[in-house]
């Protein structure tokens, strides 16, 4: 059974794009009959799983939204971009070209482009968070935050398999250590039977 249909409601600026309508409940937030964002064809959004395109978001050309991914607000996926797993694309963020986003939260006016790849780390289960006006062309995995005007150039591969957070903000790089439990050692006084 299909989870959505493409309606006759065309995008005001691009008549090739049409709004979707849920044919069944999708996850906990989308109910049967709810209107979603815009697609160019049924190939842009998987008919299975919990993936959804919300509000005024757009998936067009050869882009694909699958898994449990969410394309929200006014976000755009275009060209041959792939958004899947638990990735969330929100605000005015754009995923384009041949970019692959398999995890993370992309927001603001950020752009994931070129042959960029974003993944969550299998051990820490942390995923990149991209915001502001950041642009990512390289590969990011794990607990990595890009803010402000940060740029990750093509060929750059940043794999964070630790719980620490790598922060790229504008033209600086920093590390925010993970919260670790304090280790306390108690000095116990040992009493021997011979002591008085």
N, C-alpha and C. Protein backbone atom coordinates (compact mmCIF):
# COMPACT_ATOMS: atom_id res chain seq x y z
N UNK A 1 0.84 -1.18 0.00
CA UNK A 1 0.00 0.00 0.00
C UNK A 1 0.89 1.25 0.00
N UNK A 2 0.53 2.22 -0.78
CA UNK A 2 1.28 3.46 -0.85
C UNK A 2 1.02 4.30 0.40
N UNK A 3 2.05 5.04 0.84
CA UNK A 3 1.87 5.88 2.02
C UNK A 3 1.50 7.31 1.64
N UNK A 4 1.71 7.70 0.38
CA UNK A 4 1.35 9.06 -0.04
C UNK A 4 0.95 9.05 -1.50
N UNK A 5 0.29 10.14 -1.87
CA UNK A 5 -0.05 10.37 -3.28
C UNK A 5 0.44 11.75 -3.67
N UNK A 6 0.65 11.94 -4.95
CA UNK A 6 1.02 13.26 -5.46
C UNK A 6 -0.27 13.95 -5.89
N UNK A 7 -0.53 15.11 -5.31
CA UNK A 7 -1.77 15.84 -5.58
C UNK A 7 -1.64 16.71 -6.84
N UNK A 8 -2.71 17.39 -7.17
CA UNK A 8 -2.71 18.35 -8.28
C UNK A 8 -2.26 19.74 -7.83
N UNK A 9 -1.91 19.89 -6.56
CA UNK A 9 -1.51 21.19 -6.03
C UNK A 9 -0.07 21.46 -6.46
N UNK A 10 0.08 22.38 -7.41
CA UNK A 10 1.41 22.68 -7.96
C UNK A 10 2.13 23.71 -7.09
N UNK A 11 3.46 23.66 -7.11
CA UNK A 11 4.28 24.65 -6.43
C UNK A 11 4.06 25.99 -7.11
N UNK A 12 3.92 27.09 -6.35
CA UNK A 12 3.62 28.38 -6.97
C UNK A 12 4.69 28.89 -7.94
N UNK A 13 5.96 28.46 -7.73
CA UNK A 13 7.03 28.94 -8.60
C UNK A 13 7.51 27.92 -9.62
N UNK A 14 7.12 26.66 -9.43
CA UNK A 14 7.58 25.60 -10.33
C UNK A 14 6.45 24.61 -10.56
N UNK A 15 5.74 24.70 -11.67
CA UNK A 15 4.58 23.83 -11.91
C UNK A 15 4.93 22.35 -12.09
N UNK A 16 6.23 22.02 -12.22
CA UNK A 16 6.62 20.61 -12.32
C UNK A 16 6.58 19.93 -10.96
N UNK A 17 6.54 20.73 -9.89
CA UNK A 17 6.52 20.18 -8.53
C UNK A 17 5.09 20.16 -8.00
N UNK A 18 4.74 19.05 -7.32
CA UNK A 18 3.40 18.93 -6.75
C UNK A 18 3.46 18.48 -5.30
N UNK A 19 2.49 18.97 -4.52
CA UNK A 19 2.42 18.65 -3.10
C UNK A 19 1.98 17.20 -2.91
N UNK A 20 2.49 16.58 -1.83
CA UNK A 20 2.09 15.20 -1.52
C UNK A 20 1.03 15.20 -0.41
N UNK A 21 0.25 14.09 -0.35
CA UNK A 21 -0.76 13.91 0.70
C UNK A 21 -0.60 12.49 1.25
N UNK A 22 -0.61 12.39 2.57
CA UNK A 22 -0.47 11.08 3.24
C UNK A 22 -1.73 10.24 3.02
N UNK A 23 -1.53 8.99 2.62
CA UNK A 23 -2.64 8.05 2.45
C UNK A 23 -2.82 7.19 3.69
N UNK A 24 -1.86 7.28 4.61
CA UNK A 24 -1.89 6.53 5.86
C UNK A 24 -1.06 7.32 6.88
N UNK A 25 -1.12 6.95 8.13
CA UNK A 25 -0.27 7.60 9.13
C UNK A 25 1.19 7.25 8.83
N UNK A 26 2.06 8.23 8.94
CA UNK A 26 3.49 8.04 8.71
C UNK A 26 4.19 8.48 9.99
N UNK A 27 4.67 7.51 10.76
CA UNK A 27 5.27 7.84 12.04
C UNK A 27 4.20 8.36 13.00
N UNK A 28 4.62 9.25 13.91
CA UNK A 28 3.67 9.77 14.90
C UNK A 28 3.18 11.17 14.56
N UNK A 29 3.87 11.86 13.65
CA UNK A 29 3.53 13.26 13.38
C UNK A 29 2.73 13.49 12.11
N UNK A 30 2.69 12.51 11.22
CA UNK A 30 1.98 12.68 9.95
C UNK A 30 0.78 11.73 9.94
N UNK A 31 -0.39 12.31 9.72
CA UNK A 31 -1.62 11.52 9.75
C UNK A 31 -2.25 11.45 8.36
N UNK A 32 -3.04 10.42 8.18
CA UNK A 32 -3.73 10.21 6.91
C UNK A 32 -4.45 11.51 6.51
N UNK A 33 -4.23 11.96 5.28
CA UNK A 33 -4.85 13.17 4.78
C UNK A 33 -3.99 14.41 4.93
N UNK A 34 -2.93 14.36 5.74
CA UNK A 34 -2.05 15.52 5.90
C UNK A 34 -1.33 15.82 4.59
N UNK A 35 -1.20 17.10 4.30
CA UNK A 35 -0.43 17.53 3.14
C UNK A 35 1.04 17.66 3.53
N UNK A 36 1.91 17.31 2.60
CA UNK A 36 3.34 17.43 2.83
C UNK A 36 3.95 18.44 1.88
N UNK A 37 5.24 18.28 1.63
CA UNK A 37 5.96 19.18 0.75
C UNK A 37 5.77 18.81 -0.71
N UNK A 38 6.78 19.14 -1.52
CA UNK A 38 6.66 19.00 -2.97
C UNK A 38 7.66 18.00 -3.53
N UNK A 39 7.21 17.23 -4.51
CA UNK A 39 8.09 16.31 -5.24
C UNK A 39 7.88 16.54 -6.73
N UNK A 40 8.86 16.08 -7.49
CA UNK A 40 8.72 16.14 -8.94
C UNK A 40 8.10 14.84 -9.45
N UNK A 41 8.56 13.71 -8.89
CA UNK A 41 8.00 12.40 -9.25
C UNK A 41 7.96 11.53 -8.01
N UNK A 42 7.31 10.39 -8.14
CA UNK A 42 7.24 9.43 -7.03
C UNK A 42 8.62 8.86 -6.70
N UNK A 43 9.58 9.00 -7.60
CA UNK A 43 10.94 8.52 -7.35
C UNK A 43 11.67 9.38 -6.32
N UNK A 44 11.14 10.55 -5.97
CA UNK A 44 11.81 11.42 -5.02
C UNK A 44 11.60 11.03 -3.57
N UNK A 45 10.53 10.30 -3.25
CA UNK A 45 10.23 9.91 -1.86
C UNK A 45 9.81 8.46 -1.82
N UNK A 46 10.49 7.70 -0.98
CA UNK A 46 10.19 6.28 -0.81
C UNK A 46 8.75 6.09 -0.34
N UNK A 47 8.07 5.11 -0.89
CA UNK A 47 6.70 4.79 -0.49
C UNK A 47 6.67 3.92 0.76
N UNK A 48 7.81 3.47 1.23
CA UNK A 48 7.88 2.64 2.43
C UNK A 48 8.62 3.40 3.52
N UNK A 49 8.61 2.85 4.73
CA UNK A 49 9.33 3.47 5.83
C UNK A 49 8.65 4.73 6.33
N UNK A 50 9.39 5.52 7.11
CA UNK A 50 8.83 6.72 7.73
C UNK A 50 9.37 8.01 7.13
N UNK A 51 10.08 7.92 6.02
CA UNK A 51 10.60 9.13 5.39
C UNK A 51 9.44 10.04 5.00
N UNK A 52 9.67 11.36 5.14
CA UNK A 52 8.60 12.29 4.82
C UNK A 52 9.18 13.62 4.38
N UNK A 53 8.43 14.32 3.55
CA UNK A 53 8.77 15.66 3.11
C UNK A 53 7.67 16.58 3.65
N UNK A 54 8.05 17.50 4.51
CA UNK A 54 7.04 18.31 5.18
C UNK A 54 7.01 19.75 4.74
N UNK A 55 5.96 20.42 5.14
CA UNK A 55 5.73 21.85 4.92
C UNK A 55 6.01 22.26 3.48
N UNK A 56 6.98 23.14 3.29
CA UNK A 56 7.28 23.65 1.96
C UNK A 56 8.59 23.10 1.42
N UNK A 57 9.05 21.98 1.98
CA UNK A 57 10.29 21.36 1.52
C UNK A 57 10.10 20.79 0.12
N UNK A 58 11.21 20.66 -0.61
CA UNK A 58 11.17 20.21 -2.01
C UNK A 58 12.19 19.10 -2.23
N UNK A 59 11.75 18.01 -2.85
CA UNK A 59 12.65 16.97 -3.36
C UNK A 59 12.39 16.89 -4.86
N UNK A 60 13.41 17.16 -5.65
CA UNK A 60 13.18 17.21 -7.08
C UNK A 60 14.36 16.62 -7.86
N UNK A 61 14.21 16.63 -9.18
CA UNK A 61 15.17 16.07 -10.11
C UNK A 61 15.40 14.60 -9.75
N UNK A 62 16.66 14.17 -9.58
CA UNK A 62 16.91 12.76 -9.26
C UNK A 62 17.19 12.53 -7.79
N UNK A 63 16.83 13.50 -6.92
CA UNK A 63 17.07 13.33 -5.48
C UNK A 63 16.15 12.24 -4.94
N UNK A 64 16.56 11.67 -3.80
CA UNK A 64 15.81 10.56 -3.20
C UNK A 64 15.80 10.71 -1.69
N UNK A 65 14.63 10.63 -1.09
CA UNK A 65 14.46 10.68 0.36
C UNK A 65 13.92 9.32 0.77
N UNK A 66 14.67 8.62 1.66
CA UNK A 66 14.26 7.28 2.07
C UNK A 66 14.57 7.01 3.52
N UNK A 67 14.38 5.75 3.92
CA UNK A 67 14.61 5.36 5.31
C UNK A 67 13.64 6.07 6.23
N UNK A 68 14.16 6.66 7.30
CA UNK A 68 13.34 7.43 8.23
C UNK A 68 13.70 8.91 8.14
N UNK A 69 14.27 9.33 7.02
CA UNK A 69 14.73 10.70 6.85
C UNK A 69 13.56 11.67 6.77
N UNK A 70 13.81 12.89 7.23
CA UNK A 70 12.80 13.94 7.19
C UNK A 70 13.37 15.14 6.43
N UNK A 71 12.63 15.62 5.46
CA UNK A 71 12.95 16.85 4.75
C UNK A 71 11.87 17.83 5.19
N UNK A 72 12.25 18.88 5.95
CA UNK A 72 11.25 19.73 6.59
C UNK A 72 11.41 21.18 6.21
N UNK A 73 10.47 21.99 6.71
CA UNK A 73 10.47 23.44 6.53
C UNK A 73 10.60 23.80 5.04
N UNK A 74 11.60 24.59 4.68
CA UNK A 74 11.79 24.98 3.28
C UNK A 74 13.06 24.36 2.70
N UNK A 75 13.48 23.24 3.27
CA UNK A 75 14.69 22.56 2.81
C UNK A 75 14.50 22.02 1.40
N UNK A 76 15.63 21.84 0.69
CA UNK A 76 15.57 21.36 -0.70
C UNK A 76 16.57 20.24 -0.91
N UNK A 77 16.13 19.18 -1.57
CA UNK A 77 17.01 18.13 -2.06
C UNK A 77 16.86 18.11 -3.57
N UNK A 78 17.97 18.23 -4.28
CA UNK A 78 17.87 18.29 -5.74
C UNK A 78 19.06 17.59 -6.38
N UNK A 79 19.10 17.62 -7.69
CA UNK A 79 20.12 16.94 -8.48
C UNK A 79 20.03 15.44 -8.20
N UNK A 80 21.14 14.79 -7.84
CA UNK A 80 21.12 13.35 -7.55
C UNK A 80 21.37 13.10 -6.07
N UNK A 81 20.98 14.05 -5.22
CA UNK A 81 21.21 13.92 -3.78
C UNK A 81 20.43 12.74 -3.21
N UNK A 82 21.01 12.13 -2.17
CA UNK A 82 20.35 11.03 -1.45
C UNK A 82 20.28 11.42 0.02
N UNK A 83 19.10 11.34 0.61
CA UNK A 83 18.91 11.58 2.03
C UNK A 83 18.21 10.36 2.60
N UNK A 84 18.84 9.69 3.58
CA UNK A 84 18.24 8.47 4.11
C UNK A 84 18.54 8.26 5.58
N UNK A 85 18.29 7.05 6.03
CA UNK A 85 18.42 6.65 7.44
C UNK A 85 17.63 7.62 8.31
N UNK A 86 18.27 8.21 9.34
CA UNK A 86 17.56 9.10 10.25
C UNK A 86 17.92 10.57 10.04
N UNK A 87 18.39 10.92 8.87
CA UNK A 87 18.81 12.30 8.61
C UNK A 87 17.61 13.24 8.63
N UNK A 88 17.86 14.47 9.10
CA UNK A 88 16.84 15.51 9.09
C UNK A 88 17.42 16.73 8.39
N UNK A 89 16.73 17.22 7.38
CA UNK A 89 17.12 18.42 6.66
C UNK A 89 16.02 19.45 6.92
N UNK A 90 16.38 20.60 7.53
CA UNK A 90 15.37 21.56 7.95
C UNK A 90 15.74 22.98 7.55
N UNK A 91 14.87 23.90 7.91
CA UNK A 91 15.02 25.33 7.63
C UNK A 91 15.17 25.55 6.12
N UNK A 92 16.23 26.23 5.69
CA UNK A 92 16.45 26.50 4.27
C UNK A 92 17.66 25.74 3.75
N UNK A 93 18.03 24.67 4.44
CA UNK A 93 19.20 23.88 4.04
C UNK A 93 18.98 23.22 2.69
N UNK A 94 20.09 23.00 1.97
CA UNK A 94 20.03 22.40 0.64
C UNK A 94 20.98 21.20 0.59
N UNK A 95 20.50 20.10 0.04
CA UNK A 95 21.34 18.94 -0.26
C UNK A 95 21.27 18.79 -1.77
N UNK A 96 22.42 18.85 -2.43
CA UNK A 96 22.39 18.86 -3.90
C UNK A 96 23.57 18.11 -4.50
N UNK A 97 23.64 18.15 -5.81
CA UNK A 97 24.67 17.47 -6.59
C UNK A 97 24.59 15.97 -6.33
N UNK A 98 25.72 15.35 -5.98
CA UNK A 98 25.74 13.91 -5.70
C UNK A 98 25.92 13.64 -4.21
N UNK A 99 25.53 14.60 -3.37
CA UNK A 99 25.72 14.46 -1.93
C UNK A 99 24.88 13.31 -1.37
N UNK A 100 25.44 12.68 -0.35
CA UNK A 100 24.77 11.57 0.34
C UNK A 100 24.70 11.92 1.82
N UNK A 101 23.50 11.99 2.37
CA UNK A 101 23.32 12.28 3.79
C UNK A 101 22.61 11.09 4.42
N UNK A 102 23.37 10.29 5.18
CA UNK A 102 22.82 9.08 5.81
C UNK A 102 22.69 9.26 7.32
N UNK A 103 22.85 10.45 7.80
CA UNK A 103 22.71 10.72 9.22
C UNK A 103 23.03 12.16 9.49
N UNK A 104 22.44 12.71 10.52
CA UNK A 104 22.75 14.06 10.92
C UNK A 104 21.56 14.98 10.87
N UNK A 105 21.82 16.21 11.29
CA UNK A 105 20.80 17.25 11.30
C UNK A 105 21.38 18.45 10.55
N UNK A 106 20.76 18.80 9.44
CA UNK A 106 21.25 19.88 8.60
C UNK A 106 20.20 20.98 8.65
N UNK A 107 20.61 22.20 9.01
CA UNK A 107 19.65 23.28 9.19
C UNK A 107 20.24 24.60 8.73
N UNK A 108 19.51 25.68 9.01
CA UNK A 108 19.95 27.02 8.65
C UNK A 108 19.96 27.19 7.14
N UNK A 109 20.96 27.91 6.64
CA UNK A 109 21.14 28.10 5.20
C UNK A 109 22.31 27.26 4.69
N UNK A 110 22.60 26.18 5.39
CA UNK A 110 23.75 25.36 5.04
C UNK A 110 23.51 24.59 3.75
N UNK A 111 24.61 24.13 3.15
CA UNK A 111 24.53 23.42 1.88
C UNK A 111 25.46 22.21 1.92
N UNK A 112 24.92 21.05 1.62
CA UNK A 112 25.69 19.82 1.50
C UNK A 112 25.76 19.56 0.00
N UNK A 113 26.94 19.67 -0.58
CA UNK A 113 27.01 19.67 -2.04
C UNK A 113 28.22 18.91 -2.58
N UNK A 114 28.32 18.90 -3.89
CA UNK A 114 29.40 18.15 -4.53
C UNK A 114 29.20 16.67 -4.29
N UNK A 115 30.27 16.01 -3.86
CA UNK A 115 30.20 14.58 -3.53
C UNK A 115 30.30 14.38 -2.03
N UNK A 116 29.74 15.31 -1.27
CA UNK A 116 29.78 15.24 0.20
C UNK A 116 29.09 13.98 0.71
N UNK A 117 29.60 13.48 1.85
CA UNK A 117 28.99 12.32 2.50
C UNK A 117 28.90 12.61 3.99
N UNK A 118 27.72 12.46 4.57
CA UNK A 118 27.52 12.60 6.01
C UNK A 118 26.97 11.30 6.56
N UNK A 119 27.61 10.79 7.62
CA UNK A 119 27.21 9.53 8.22
C UNK A 119 27.22 9.63 9.73
N UNK A 120 26.43 8.81 10.39
CA UNK A 120 26.55 8.66 11.83
C UNK A 120 27.59 7.60 12.11
N UNK A 121 28.24 7.68 13.29
CA UNK A 121 29.23 6.68 13.67
C UNK A 121 28.49 5.50 14.29
N UNK A 122 28.83 4.30 13.87
CA UNK A 122 28.12 3.11 14.33
C UNK A 122 28.30 2.84 15.81
N UNK A 123 29.46 3.17 16.37
CA UNK A 123 29.72 2.89 17.78
C UNK A 123 29.13 3.95 18.70
N UNK A 124 29.42 5.23 18.42
CA UNK A 124 28.93 6.29 19.30
C UNK A 124 27.51 6.70 18.96
N UNK A 125 27.04 6.36 17.77
CA UNK A 125 25.71 6.72 17.26
C UNK A 125 25.53 8.23 17.15
N UNK A 126 26.64 8.94 17.12
CA UNK A 126 26.60 10.39 16.91
C UNK A 126 26.64 10.67 15.42
N UNK A 127 26.00 11.77 15.03
CA UNK A 127 25.97 12.16 13.61
C UNK A 127 26.27 13.64 13.49
N UNK A 128 26.75 14.08 12.33
CA UNK A 128 27.08 15.48 12.14
C UNK A 128 25.87 16.40 12.29
N UNK A 129 26.14 17.62 12.76
CA UNK A 129 25.13 18.68 12.83
C UNK A 129 25.69 19.86 12.06
N UNK A 130 24.98 20.26 11.02
CA UNK A 130 25.44 21.33 10.14
C UNK A 130 24.43 22.46 10.22
N UNK A 131 24.91 23.69 10.45
CA UNK A 131 24.00 24.82 10.57
C UNK A 131 24.63 26.10 10.07
N UNK A 132 23.92 27.19 10.28
CA UNK A 132 24.41 28.49 9.84
C UNK A 132 24.51 28.53 8.33
N UNK A 133 25.63 29.04 7.83
CA UNK A 133 25.87 29.10 6.39
C UNK A 133 26.95 28.12 5.96
N UNK A 134 27.15 27.07 6.76
CA UNK A 134 28.22 26.10 6.48
C UNK A 134 28.01 25.42 5.14
N UNK A 135 29.12 25.09 4.49
CA UNK A 135 29.10 24.35 3.23
C UNK A 135 30.00 23.13 3.38
N UNK A 136 29.45 21.97 3.04
CA UNK A 136 30.20 20.72 3.16
C UNK A 136 30.33 20.08 1.79
N UNK A 137 31.58 19.85 1.38
CA UNK A 137 31.89 19.17 0.12
C UNK A 137 32.61 17.85 0.40
N UNK A 138 33.14 17.68 1.61
CA UNK A 138 33.92 16.50 1.97
C UNK A 138 33.09 15.47 2.71
N UNK A 139 33.78 14.63 3.52
CA UNK A 139 33.11 13.56 4.25
C UNK A 139 33.18 13.81 5.75
N UNK A 140 32.04 13.72 6.42
CA UNK A 140 31.97 13.89 7.87
C UNK A 140 31.25 12.70 8.48
N UNK A 141 31.84 12.13 9.53
CA UNK A 141 31.22 11.01 10.23
C UNK A 141 31.35 11.23 11.72
N UNK A 142 30.28 10.97 12.45
CA UNK A 142 30.32 11.04 13.91
C UNK A 142 29.96 12.41 14.45
N UNK A 143 30.45 12.70 15.66
CA UNK A 143 30.09 13.89 16.41
C UNK A 143 30.87 15.10 15.90
N UNK A 144 30.42 15.66 14.80
CA UNK A 144 31.05 16.82 14.16
C UNK A 144 29.99 17.90 14.00
N UNK A 145 30.33 19.13 14.40
CA UNK A 145 29.42 20.26 14.26
C UNK A 145 30.07 21.29 13.36
N UNK A 146 29.35 21.72 12.33
CA UNK A 146 29.81 22.81 11.45
C UNK A 146 28.84 23.97 11.63
N UNK A 147 29.39 25.15 11.99
CA UNK A 147 28.56 26.32 12.25
C UNK A 147 29.09 27.53 11.51
N UNK A 148 28.29 28.58 11.53
CA UNK A 148 28.73 29.84 10.94
C UNK A 148 29.05 29.66 9.47
N UNK A 149 30.21 30.15 9.07
CA UNK A 149 30.63 30.04 7.68
C UNK A 149 31.65 28.94 7.45
N UNK A 150 31.61 27.89 8.25
CA UNK A 150 32.57 26.79 8.10
C UNK A 150 32.45 26.16 6.73
N UNK A 151 33.60 25.75 6.17
CA UNK A 151 33.63 25.07 4.88
C UNK A 151 34.48 23.82 5.01
N UNK A 152 33.93 22.69 4.59
CA UNK A 152 34.67 21.43 4.53
C UNK A 152 34.91 21.16 3.05
N UNK A 153 36.16 21.30 2.63
CA UNK A 153 36.51 21.22 1.22
C UNK A 153 36.46 19.79 0.67
N UNK A 154 36.34 19.65 -0.66
CA UNK A 154 36.37 18.31 -1.26
C UNK A 154 37.66 17.60 -0.90
N UNK A 155 37.57 16.31 -0.65
CA UNK A 155 38.74 15.51 -0.30
C UNK A 155 39.01 15.45 1.19
N UNK A 156 38.42 16.36 1.97
CA UNK A 156 38.61 16.34 3.43
C UNK A 156 37.72 15.25 4.01
N UNK A 157 38.32 14.39 4.83
CA UNK A 157 37.57 13.32 5.49
C UNK A 157 37.79 13.46 6.99
N UNK A 158 36.72 13.68 7.72
CA UNK A 158 36.80 13.85 9.16
C UNK A 158 35.92 12.80 9.80
N UNK A 159 36.56 11.76 10.36
CA UNK A 159 35.85 10.67 11.00
C UNK A 159 36.06 10.80 12.50
N UNK A 160 35.03 11.12 13.24
CA UNK A 160 35.13 11.22 14.69
C UNK A 160 34.47 10.00 15.31
N UNK A 161 35.28 9.09 15.79
CA UNK A 161 34.76 7.87 16.41
C UNK A 161 34.79 7.98 17.92
N UNK A 162 35.00 9.20 18.44
CA UNK A 162 35.02 9.42 19.89
C UNK A 162 33.73 10.08 20.33
N UNK A 163 33.55 10.20 21.64
CA UNK A 163 32.38 10.90 22.18
C UNK A 163 32.62 12.41 22.23
N UNK A 164 33.88 12.85 22.06
CA UNK A 164 34.19 14.27 22.02
C UNK A 164 33.57 14.88 20.76
N UNK A 165 33.28 16.18 20.82
CA UNK A 165 32.66 16.85 19.68
C UNK A 165 33.70 17.71 18.97
N UNK A 166 33.85 17.50 17.66
CA UNK A 166 34.73 18.33 16.85
C UNK A 166 33.87 19.48 16.30
N UNK A 167 34.27 20.71 16.58
CA UNK A 167 33.49 21.87 16.17
C UNK A 167 34.26 22.69 15.15
N UNK A 168 33.67 22.86 13.98
CA UNK A 168 34.22 23.71 12.93
C UNK A 168 33.32 24.94 12.87
N UNK A 169 33.86 26.10 13.23
CA UNK A 169 33.07 27.32 13.21
C UNK A 169 33.86 28.38 12.48
N UNK A 170 33.27 28.89 11.42
CA UNK A 170 33.94 29.86 10.56
C UNK A 170 35.27 29.27 10.12
N UNK A 171 36.40 29.85 10.53
CA UNK A 171 37.70 29.30 10.12
C UNK A 171 38.47 28.70 11.29
N UNK A 172 37.76 28.29 12.34
CA UNK A 172 38.43 27.68 13.50
C UNK A 172 37.94 26.26 13.72
N UNK A 173 38.80 25.48 14.35
CA UNK A 173 38.46 24.10 14.70
C UNK A 173 38.74 23.94 16.19
N UNK A 174 37.80 23.36 16.91
CA UNK A 174 38.00 23.12 18.34
C UNK A 174 37.40 21.77 18.72
N UNK A 175 37.73 21.34 19.92
CA UNK A 175 37.21 20.07 20.43
C UNK A 175 36.51 20.35 21.75
N UNK A 176 35.28 19.87 21.87
CA UNK A 176 34.54 19.98 23.12
C UNK A 176 34.54 18.58 23.73
N UNK A 177 35.27 18.40 24.85
CA UNK A 177 35.33 17.06 25.46
C UNK A 177 33.96 16.59 25.92
N UNK A 178 33.74 15.31 25.79
CA UNK A 178 32.49 14.71 26.24
C UNK A 178 32.43 14.74 27.76
N UNK A 179 31.23 14.77 28.29
CA UNK A 179 31.05 14.71 29.74
C UNK A 179 31.41 13.30 30.20
N UNK A 180 32.35 13.23 31.06
CA UNK A 180 32.77 11.93 31.57
C UNK A 180 32.53 11.89 33.07
N UNK A 181 32.17 10.75 33.61
CA UNK A 181 31.94 10.68 35.07
C UNK A 181 33.24 10.93 35.82
N UNK A 182 33.11 11.64 36.94
CA UNK A 182 34.29 11.90 37.75
C UNK A 182 34.74 10.62 38.43
N UNK A 183 36.03 10.46 38.48
CA UNK A 183 36.59 9.30 39.15
C UNK A 183 37.12 9.78 40.49
N UNK A 184 36.57 9.24 41.55
CA UNK A 184 37.03 9.62 42.88
C UNK A 184 37.67 8.42 43.54
N UNK A 185 38.72 8.69 44.23
CA UNK A 185 39.38 7.62 44.98
C UNK A 185 39.26 7.95 46.45
N UNK A 186 38.80 7.03 47.19
CA UNK A 186 38.67 7.25 48.63
C UNK A 186 39.87 6.63 49.31
N UNK A 187 40.41 7.39 50.23
CA UNK A 187 41.55 6.88 51.00
C UNK A 187 41.01 6.26 52.27
N UNK A 188 40.95 5.00 52.22
CA UNK A 188 40.47 4.30 53.41
C UNK A 188 41.65 3.99 54.31
N UNK A 189 41.45 4.22 55.57
CA UNK A 189 42.49 3.91 56.54
C UNK A 189 42.38 2.44 56.89
N UNK A 190 43.48 1.76 56.71
CA UNK A 190 43.47 0.33 57.02
C UNK A 190 43.94 0.14 58.46
N UNK A 191 43.17 -0.58 59.17
CA UNK A 191 43.51 -0.87 60.57
C UNK A 191 43.99 -2.31 60.66
N UNK A 192 45.08 -2.44 61.28
CA UNK A 192 45.59 -3.79 61.51
C UNK A 192 45.25 -4.22 62.91
N UNK A 193 45.20 -5.49 63.11
CA UNK A 193 44.84 -5.99 64.43
C UNK A 193 45.86 -5.58 65.50
N UNK A 194 47.12 -5.37 65.11
CA UNK A 194 48.14 -5.02 66.08
C UNK A 194 48.10 -3.55 66.49
N UNK A 195 47.40 -2.73 65.69
CA UNK A 195 47.34 -1.31 66.00
C UNK A 195 46.35 -1.04 67.10
N UNK A 196 46.66 -0.03 67.91
CA UNK A 196 45.76 0.35 68.98
C UNK A 196 45.30 1.73 68.84
